[in-house]
Amino acid sequence: MISASARLLRLLAVLAARPSWTCAELAERTAVTERTVRRDIARLRELGYVVDSEPGPWGGYRLRAGGRVPPLILDDEEALAVAVGLRETALSGAAGGDQAALSALLKLRQVLPRRVADRLAGVDAAFVRTPRPDEPQITAGLLLELAAACRAGERARLSYRDGEGRATVRDVDPYRLVHTGRRWYLVARDVTRGQWRTFRADRVERIQLTGQPAELTDPPDPALLVSRNIATGPYPMYATVRLPVGLDQALRLVPSTVGAHRPDGPDATVVDVGGPDPDGLARYLLSLATPLRVLAPDSVRQALERRTRALLEALEEGGTEGTGGGACGAAPDSESAKAPGGRA
């Protein structure tokens, strides 16, 4: 005689197999009496499953969606299909919910039977994704290890290779994973430096839990920290500009992945923008097609003035020569790139 819990699981699997069942059919399929079926249906309802009943000789039971998510019963093939789907969603961000997909995949892999987990590992090894240009590769297995480290609340030893290829090993307190749409970043506290840092997940070679508790007091906003670090990355130079708009509009003009923003009163925002050289920064600022003032450095202000004058002269002559690459797109609004008083 099977236990009541096993009997409920079998009944649930039968109910999910097709839209409707009569009581007699359920009794036959689960090898119990109709009275037991009715009692088990009542128990499923107590657990949160919504089972409709239709009276009459042609009536029966129908399992439908409920108001909350109860436990699911998946066979091997279904579990593998769900895991693969979650894996691809987490890696691509195609559904816009990569964090939720990663969390769900982590939970699912923790309870998968060994036979299904081994098949999923084989799928992970066989799949090769064609990346977008400049998109780094990261395996699903490593991504799950990083997610598990964040959930564990333990200090970890991180083997990492920086942008110049230098290999380092450091102790970190993992906190969150952040996906920017192109890359995954691990937000963690660097124990030695006592600072919150971001690590590109595709540069992580290994992460191993140490068993020591992590110190996660006063953690930062992980998405904001990643955005700021990307915006103030290793550019050769930076320009500080003042936009006469509020912070929300400034973020629409200059994304957080391009500049670091700070409000300057309710109607202005100061933004630090990185670039290759003064002329490259001037081209980018002209492309914003909005009034602005370059606060520093003088070399960027002078480059913007030169480009603005050349653009105005070309417009007055009715030609398009001399504007330089990238500035032509700002031609219709060229004067708006000049600050009040004629200075950029």
Protein backbone atom coordinates (compact mmCIF):
# COMPACT_ATOMS: atom_id res chain seq x y z
CA MET A 1 0.00 0.00 0.00
CA ILE A 2 1.50 3.34 -1.04
CA SER A 3 1.71 6.30 1.34
CA ALA A 4 -0.81 9.14 1.22
CA SER A 5 1.83 11.62 -0.07
CA ALA A 6 2.87 9.30 -2.90
CA ARG A 7 -0.77 8.75 -3.77
CA LEU A 8 -1.37 12.52 -3.95
CA LEU A 9 1.60 12.95 -6.27
CA ARG A 10 0.31 10.20 -8.54
CA LEU A 11 -3.19 11.74 -8.58
CA LEU A 12 -1.73 15.16 -9.38
CA ALA A 13 0.28 13.74 -12.28
CA VAL A 14 -2.84 12.05 -13.68
CA LEU A 15 -4.95 15.24 -13.36
CA ALA A 16 -2.31 17.25 -15.22
CA ALA A 17 -2.15 14.77 -18.10
CA ARG A 18 -5.42 15.91 -19.74
CA PRO A 19 -8.15 18.55 -19.21
CA SER A 20 -10.82 16.48 -17.47
CA TRP A 21 -11.31 13.15 -15.67
CA THR A 22 -14.31 11.40 -14.17
CA CYS A 23 -14.04 10.11 -10.62
CA ALA A 24 -14.22 6.53 -11.86
CA GLU A 25 -11.37 7.12 -14.33
CA LEU A 26 -9.19 8.63 -11.61
CA ALA A 27 -9.92 5.75 -9.29
CA GLU A 28 -8.93 3.26 -12.00
CA ARG A 29 -5.74 5.10 -12.95
CA THR A 30 -4.57 5.50 -9.34
CA ALA A 31 -5.76 2.06 -8.14
CA VAL A 32 -7.91 3.38 -5.28
CA THR A 33 -11.61 3.69 -4.54
CA GLU A 34 -13.73 6.62 -5.70
CA ARG A 35 -14.18 7.62 -2.06
CA THR A 36 -10.40 7.85 -1.71
CA VAL A 37 -10.24 9.95 -4.89
CA ARG A 38 -12.73 12.43 -3.46
CA ARG A 39 -10.77 12.62 -0.19
CA ASP A 40 -7.48 13.13 -2.03
CA ILE A 41 -9.02 15.85 -4.22
CA ALA A 42 -10.02 17.69 -1.04
CA ARG A 43 -6.44 17.37 0.23
CA LEU A 44 -4.99 18.79 -3.01
CA ARG A 45 -7.29 21.78 -2.66
CA GLU A 46 -5.99 22.36 0.86
CA LEU A 47 -2.43 22.39 -0.55
CA GLY A 48 -3.29 25.17 -2.98
CA TYR A 49 -4.21 23.32 -6.16
CA VAL A 50 -7.42 24.48 -7.83
CA VAL A 51 -9.44 21.40 -8.82
CA ASP A 52 -12.86 22.14 -10.29
CA SER A 53 -15.62 19.56 -10.07
CA GLU A 54 -18.56 19.17 -12.45
CA PRO A 55 -21.64 17.29 -11.13
CA GLY A 56 -23.70 14.80 -13.11
CA PRO A 57 -23.02 11.53 -14.92
CA TRP A 58 -20.76 13.26 -17.46
CA GLY A 59 -19.04 15.46 -14.90
CA GLY A 60 -15.63 15.03 -13.39
CA TYR A 61 -12.57 16.88 -12.15
CA ARG A 62 -10.47 19.53 -13.87
CA LEU A 63 -7.11 20.90 -12.68
CA ARG A 64 -6.67 24.57 -13.49
CA ALA A 65 -4.36 27.48 -12.66
CA GLY A 66 -4.64 28.80 -9.14
CA GLY A 67 -3.84 32.03 -7.32
CA ARG A 68 -0.38 30.92 -6.19
CA VAL A 69 2.30 28.53 -7.38
CA PRO A 70 2.06 25.12 -5.69
CA PRO A 71 4.70 22.40 -6.14
CA LEU A 72 5.00 21.06 -9.68
CA ILE A 73 5.40 17.44 -10.71
CA LEU A 74 7.72 17.01 -13.70
CA ASP A 75 8.94 13.85 -15.34
CA ASP A 76 12.56 13.53 -16.50
CA GLU A 77 11.98 14.93 -19.99
CA GLU A 78 9.92 17.85 -18.70
CA ALA A 79 12.50 18.72 -16.03
CA LEU A 80 15.29 18.65 -18.61
CA ALA A 81 13.29 20.84 -21.02
CA VAL A 82 12.55 23.40 -18.29
CA ALA A 83 16.20 23.48 -17.18
CA VAL A 84 17.46 24.01 -20.73
CA GLY A 85 14.90 26.76 -21.31
CA LEU A 86 15.84 28.54 -18.10
CA ARG A 87 19.53 28.18 -18.96
CA GLU A 88 19.11 29.90 -22.32
CA THR A 89 16.92 32.64 -20.84
CA ALA A 90 19.46 33.37 -18.14
CA LEU A 91 22.38 33.52 -20.59
CA SER A 92 20.63 35.57 -23.25
CA GLY A 93 18.29 37.77 -21.21
CA ALA A 94 15.78 37.28 -24.03
CA ALA A 95 12.77 37.42 -21.70
CA GLY A 96 14.05 40.43 -19.81
CA GLY A 97 14.06 38.37 -16.60
CA ASP A 98 17.51 36.81 -16.55
CA GLN A 99 17.84 37.14 -12.75
CA ALA A 100 14.56 35.32 -12.16
CA ALA A 101 15.52 32.65 -14.70
CA LEU A 102 18.91 32.15 -13.05
CA SER A 103 17.34 31.86 -9.60
CA ALA A 104 14.76 29.36 -10.84
CA LEU A 105 17.43 27.31 -12.61
CA LEU A 106 19.56 27.22 -9.47
CA LYS A 107 16.62 25.93 -7.41
CA LEU A 108 15.74 23.35 -10.05
CA ARG A 109 19.27 21.98 -10.37
CA GLN A 110 19.49 21.50 -6.62
CA VAL A 111 16.59 19.02 -6.68
CA LEU A 112 17.15 17.31 -10.03
CA PRO A 113 17.71 13.55 -9.85
CA ARG A 114 21.28 12.54 -10.68
CA ARG A 115 20.23 10.97 -13.98
CA VAL A 116 18.61 14.23 -15.14
CA ALA A 117 21.45 16.41 -13.79
CA ASP A 118 23.98 14.34 -15.74
CA ARG A 119 21.96 14.76 -18.94
CA LEU A 120 21.75 18.51 -18.36
CA ALA A 121 25.52 18.66 -17.85
CA GLY A 122 25.92 16.87 -21.19
CA VAL A 123 23.65 19.43 -22.85
CA ASP A 124 25.67 22.28 -21.29
CA ALA A 125 28.88 20.79 -22.70
CA ALA A 126 27.39 20.32 -26.17
CA PHE A 127 25.68 23.70 -26.59
CA VAL A 128 27.67 26.49 -28.23
CA ARG A 129 26.13 29.94 -28.45
CA THR A 130 27.14 32.37 -31.17
CA PRO A 131 27.91 35.57 -29.29
CA ARG A 132 27.10 39.08 -30.41
CA PRO A 133 30.13 41.19 -31.44
CA ASP A 134 32.43 41.80 -28.46
CA GLU A 135 30.20 39.66 -26.21
CA PRO A 136 32.23 37.47 -23.85
CA GLN A 137 31.50 33.80 -23.34
CA ILE A 138 30.46 32.36 -19.98
CA THR A 139 29.33 28.83 -19.28
CA ALA A 140 26.04 28.05 -17.59
CA GLY A 141 27.90 25.97 -15.02
CA LEU A 142 30.10 28.86 -13.91
CA LEU A 143 27.12 31.21 -13.84
CA LEU A 144 25.30 28.81 -11.53
CA GLU A 145 28.37 28.49 -9.28
CA LEU A 146 28.50 32.27 -8.91
CA ALA A 147 24.76 32.42 -8.19
CA ALA A 148 25.09 29.65 -5.60
CA ALA A 149 27.96 31.52 -3.94
CA CYS A 150 25.77 34.64 -3.66
CA ARG A 151 22.97 32.61 -2.09
CA ALA A 152 25.23 30.75 0.35
CA GLY A 153 26.21 33.78 2.43
CA GLU A 154 29.77 32.45 2.74
CA ARG A 155 33.16 33.95 1.98
CA ALA A 156 34.68 32.62 -1.23
CA ARG A 157 38.13 32.35 -2.83
CA LEU A 158 38.01 33.87 -6.30
CA SER A 159 40.50 33.05 -9.05
CA TYR A 160 40.27 36.01 -11.43
CA ARG A 161 42.04 37.33 -14.52
CA ASP A 162 41.87 41.09 -15.00
CA GLY A 163 41.63 43.08 -18.23
CA GLU A 164 45.39 42.93 -18.77
CA GLY A 165 45.48 39.16 -18.33
CA ARG A 166 47.00 39.16 -14.83
CA ALA A 167 45.84 36.22 -12.69
CA THR A 168 44.97 36.94 -9.07
CA VAL A 169 43.42 35.00 -6.18
CA ARG A 170 41.45 36.96 -3.62
CA ASP A 171 38.95 36.38 -0.85
CA VAL A 172 35.56 37.97 -1.49
CA ASP A 173 32.11 38.09 0.07
CA PRO A 174 29.77 37.39 -2.89
CA TYR A 175 26.58 39.46 -2.91
CA ARG A 176 24.75 39.68 -6.25
CA LEU A 177 25.01 38.92 -9.97
CA VAL A 178 24.11 41.74 -12.38
CA HIS A 179 23.39 41.36 -16.09
CA THR A 180 23.81 44.52 -18.18
CA GLY A 181 22.38 43.03 -21.39
CA ARG A 182 25.86 42.20 -22.69
CA ARG A 183 27.81 40.86 -19.72
CA TRP A 184 27.37 39.33 -16.28
CA TYR A 185 29.09 40.98 -13.30
CA LEU A 186 29.67 39.63 -9.80
CA VAL A 187 29.24 42.24 -7.07
CA ALA A 188 31.28 41.25 -4.02
CA ARG A 189 33.20 42.75 -1.12
CA ASP A 190 36.96 42.45 -1.53
CA VAL A 191 38.02 41.26 1.92
CA THR A 192 41.65 42.45 1.70
CA ARG A 193 40.78 45.94 0.46
CA GLY A 194 37.57 46.22 2.46
CA GLN A 195 35.77 47.62 -0.60
CA TRP A 196 32.77 46.65 -2.68
CA ARG A 197 33.96 45.66 -6.15
CA THR A 198 32.58 44.40 -9.44
CA PHE A 199 34.12 41.45 -11.29
CA ARG A 200 33.34 40.48 -14.87
CA ALA A 201 31.93 36.99 -14.63
CA ASP A 202 33.57 35.85 -17.88
CA ARG A 203 36.99 36.59 -16.31
CA VAL A 204 36.33 34.39 -13.28
CA GLU A 205 38.29 31.16 -13.56
CA ARG A 206 37.13 29.55 -10.33
CA ILE A 207 35.16 30.30 -7.18
CA GLN A 208 35.33 28.14 -4.04
CA LEU A 209 33.44 28.62 -0.78
CA THR A 210 35.60 28.76 2.35
CA GLY A 211 32.95 27.99 4.97
CA GLN A 212 33.48 31.35 6.71
CA PRO A 213 30.47 33.67 6.99
CA ALA A 214 30.39 36.60 4.59
CA GLU A 215 30.30 40.18 5.90
CA LEU A 216 27.49 41.84 3.96
CA THR A 217 26.84 44.86 6.16
CA ASP A 218 25.77 48.03 4.35
CA PRO A 219 25.79 46.50 0.85
CA PRO A 220 25.54 48.84 -2.18
CA ASP A 221 22.86 48.94 -4.86
CA PRO A 222 24.43 46.26 -7.11
CA ALA A 223 22.99 47.54 -10.41
CA LEU A 224 24.04 51.13 -9.63
CA LEU A 225 27.55 50.05 -8.65
CA VAL A 226 28.00 48.11 -11.90
CA SER A 227 26.66 51.02 -13.98
CA ARG A 228 29.01 53.49 -12.33
CA ASN A 229 32.03 51.25 -12.74
CA ILE A 230 31.25 50.70 -16.42
CA ALA A 231 30.74 54.42 -16.99
CA THR A 232 34.00 55.35 -15.26
CA GLY A 233 36.05 52.53 -16.74
CA PRO A 234 39.67 52.75 -17.87
CA TYR A 235 39.26 55.55 -20.44
CA PRO A 236 42.31 57.65 -21.34
CA MET A 237 40.49 60.83 -20.28
CA TYR A 238 37.22 62.17 -18.88
CA ALA A 239 35.06 65.24 -19.35
CA THR A 240 32.75 66.77 -16.78
CA VAL A 241 29.70 68.44 -18.30
CA ARG A 242 26.61 70.16 -16.88
CA LEU A 243 23.26 69.45 -18.52
CA PRO A 244 20.41 71.91 -17.78
CA VAL A 245 17.93 69.07 -17.20
CA GLY A 246 16.88 66.94 -14.25
CA LEU A 247 18.44 63.60 -13.43
CA ASP A 248 15.77 61.48 -15.16
CA GLN A 249 16.11 63.32 -18.46
CA ALA A 250 19.91 63.34 -18.16
CA LEU A 251 19.87 59.55 -17.83
CA ARG A 252 17.84 59.34 -21.05
CA LEU A 253 20.39 61.53 -22.84
CA VAL A 254 23.50 59.88 -21.37
CA PRO A 255 22.86 56.29 -20.16
CA SER A 256 24.26 55.20 -16.82
CA THR A 257 26.58 52.81 -18.66
CA VAL A 258 28.18 55.80 -20.42
CA GLY A 259 28.38 58.46 -17.72
CA ALA A 260 28.36 58.89 -13.95
CA HIS A 261 25.56 61.28 -12.93
CA ARG A 262 25.01 63.49 -9.90
CA PRO A 263 22.18 66.03 -9.47
CA ASP A 264 23.07 69.73 -9.44
CA GLY A 265 19.82 71.08 -8.08
CA PRO A 266 16.35 70.06 -9.33
CA ASP A 267 16.89 71.23 -12.92
CA ALA A 268 20.51 70.36 -13.71
CA THR A 269 22.78 67.33 -13.72
CA VAL A 270 26.57 67.01 -13.76
CA VAL A 271 27.86 64.04 -15.74
CA ASP A 272 31.37 62.55 -15.98
CA VAL A 273 31.90 60.98 -19.40
CA GLY A 274 34.93 58.97 -20.52
CA GLY A 275 36.42 58.94 -24.00
CA PRO A 276 39.53 58.27 -26.10
CA ASP A 277 40.66 61.89 -26.56
CA PRO A 278 39.30 65.47 -26.58
CA ASP A 279 38.08 65.24 -30.18
CA GLY A 280 36.28 61.94 -29.56
CA LEU A 281 34.54 63.40 -26.50
CA ALA A 282 33.59 66.51 -28.50
CA ARG A 283 31.99 64.33 -31.18
CA TYR A 284 29.96 62.47 -28.56
CA LEU A 285 28.81 65.65 -26.82
CA LEU A 286 27.71 67.17 -30.14
CA SER A 287 25.71 64.04 -30.89
CA LEU A 288 23.59 64.69 -27.78
CA ALA A 289 22.07 67.69 -29.61
CA THR A 290 21.24 69.43 -26.33
CA PRO A 291 22.50 72.54 -24.51
CA LEU A 292 25.41 71.77 -22.21
CA ARG A 293 28.44 73.33 -20.52
CA VAL A 294 31.84 71.63 -20.38
CA LEU A 295 33.17 72.18 -16.87
CA ALA A 296 36.49 70.39 -17.44
CA PRO A 297 38.96 69.89 -18.99
CA ASP A 298 39.80 72.88 -21.20
CA SER A 299 41.02 70.59 -24.00
CA VAL A 300 37.53 69.09 -24.45
CA ARG A 301 35.90 72.54 -24.28
CA GLN A 302 38.25 73.80 -26.98
CA ALA A 303 37.69 70.74 -29.18
CA LEU A 304 33.92 71.22 -28.88
CA GLU A 305 34.23 74.89 -29.81
CA ARG A 306 36.34 74.02 -32.88
CA ARG A 307 33.85 71.40 -34.05
CA THR A 308 30.90 73.70 -33.46
CA ARG A 309 32.50 76.54 -35.44
CA ALA A 310 33.41 74.19 -38.29
CA LEU A 311 29.88 72.83 -38.35
CA LEU A 312 28.32 76.30 -38.46
CA GLU A 313 30.69 77.42 -41.24
CA ALA A 314 29.81 74.31 -43.28
CA LEU A 315 26.10 75.00 -42.85
CA GLU A 316 26.49 78.66 -43.87
CA GLU A 317 28.35 77.58 -47.01
CA GLY A 318 25.67 75.00 -47.77
CA GLY A 319 28.16 72.15 -47.76
CA THR A 320 28.82 69.15 -45.60
CA GLU A 321 32.64 69.07 -45.67
CA GLY A 322 34.77 69.72 -42.62
CA THR A 323 32.34 68.52 -39.99
CA GLY A 324 34.26 65.34 -39.16
CA GLY A 325 33.02 61.83 -38.54
CA GLY A 326 30.00 61.53 -36.26
CA ALA A 327 29.24 65.27 -35.95
CA CYS A 328 27.14 65.44 -39.09
CA GLY A 329 24.28 63.70 -37.30
CA ALA A 330 24.03 66.70 -34.95
CA ALA A 331 23.95 69.31 -37.71
CA PRO A 332 20.25 70.32 -37.40
CA ASP A 333 20.77 71.16 -33.70
CA SER A 334 24.36 72.34 -33.81
CA GLU A 335 23.78 75.63 -31.95
CA SER A 336 22.16 73.79 -29.05
CA ALA A 337 25.55 72.26 -28.21
CA LYS A 338 26.81 75.71 -27.24
CA ALA A 339 26.34 76.91 -23.68
CA PRO A 340 24.85 80.36 -22.88
CA GLY A 341 27.22 83.22 -23.64
CA GLY A 342 28.72 81.51 -26.67
CA ARG A 343 31.05 79.24 -24.69
CA ALA A 344 30.87 75.45 -24.61
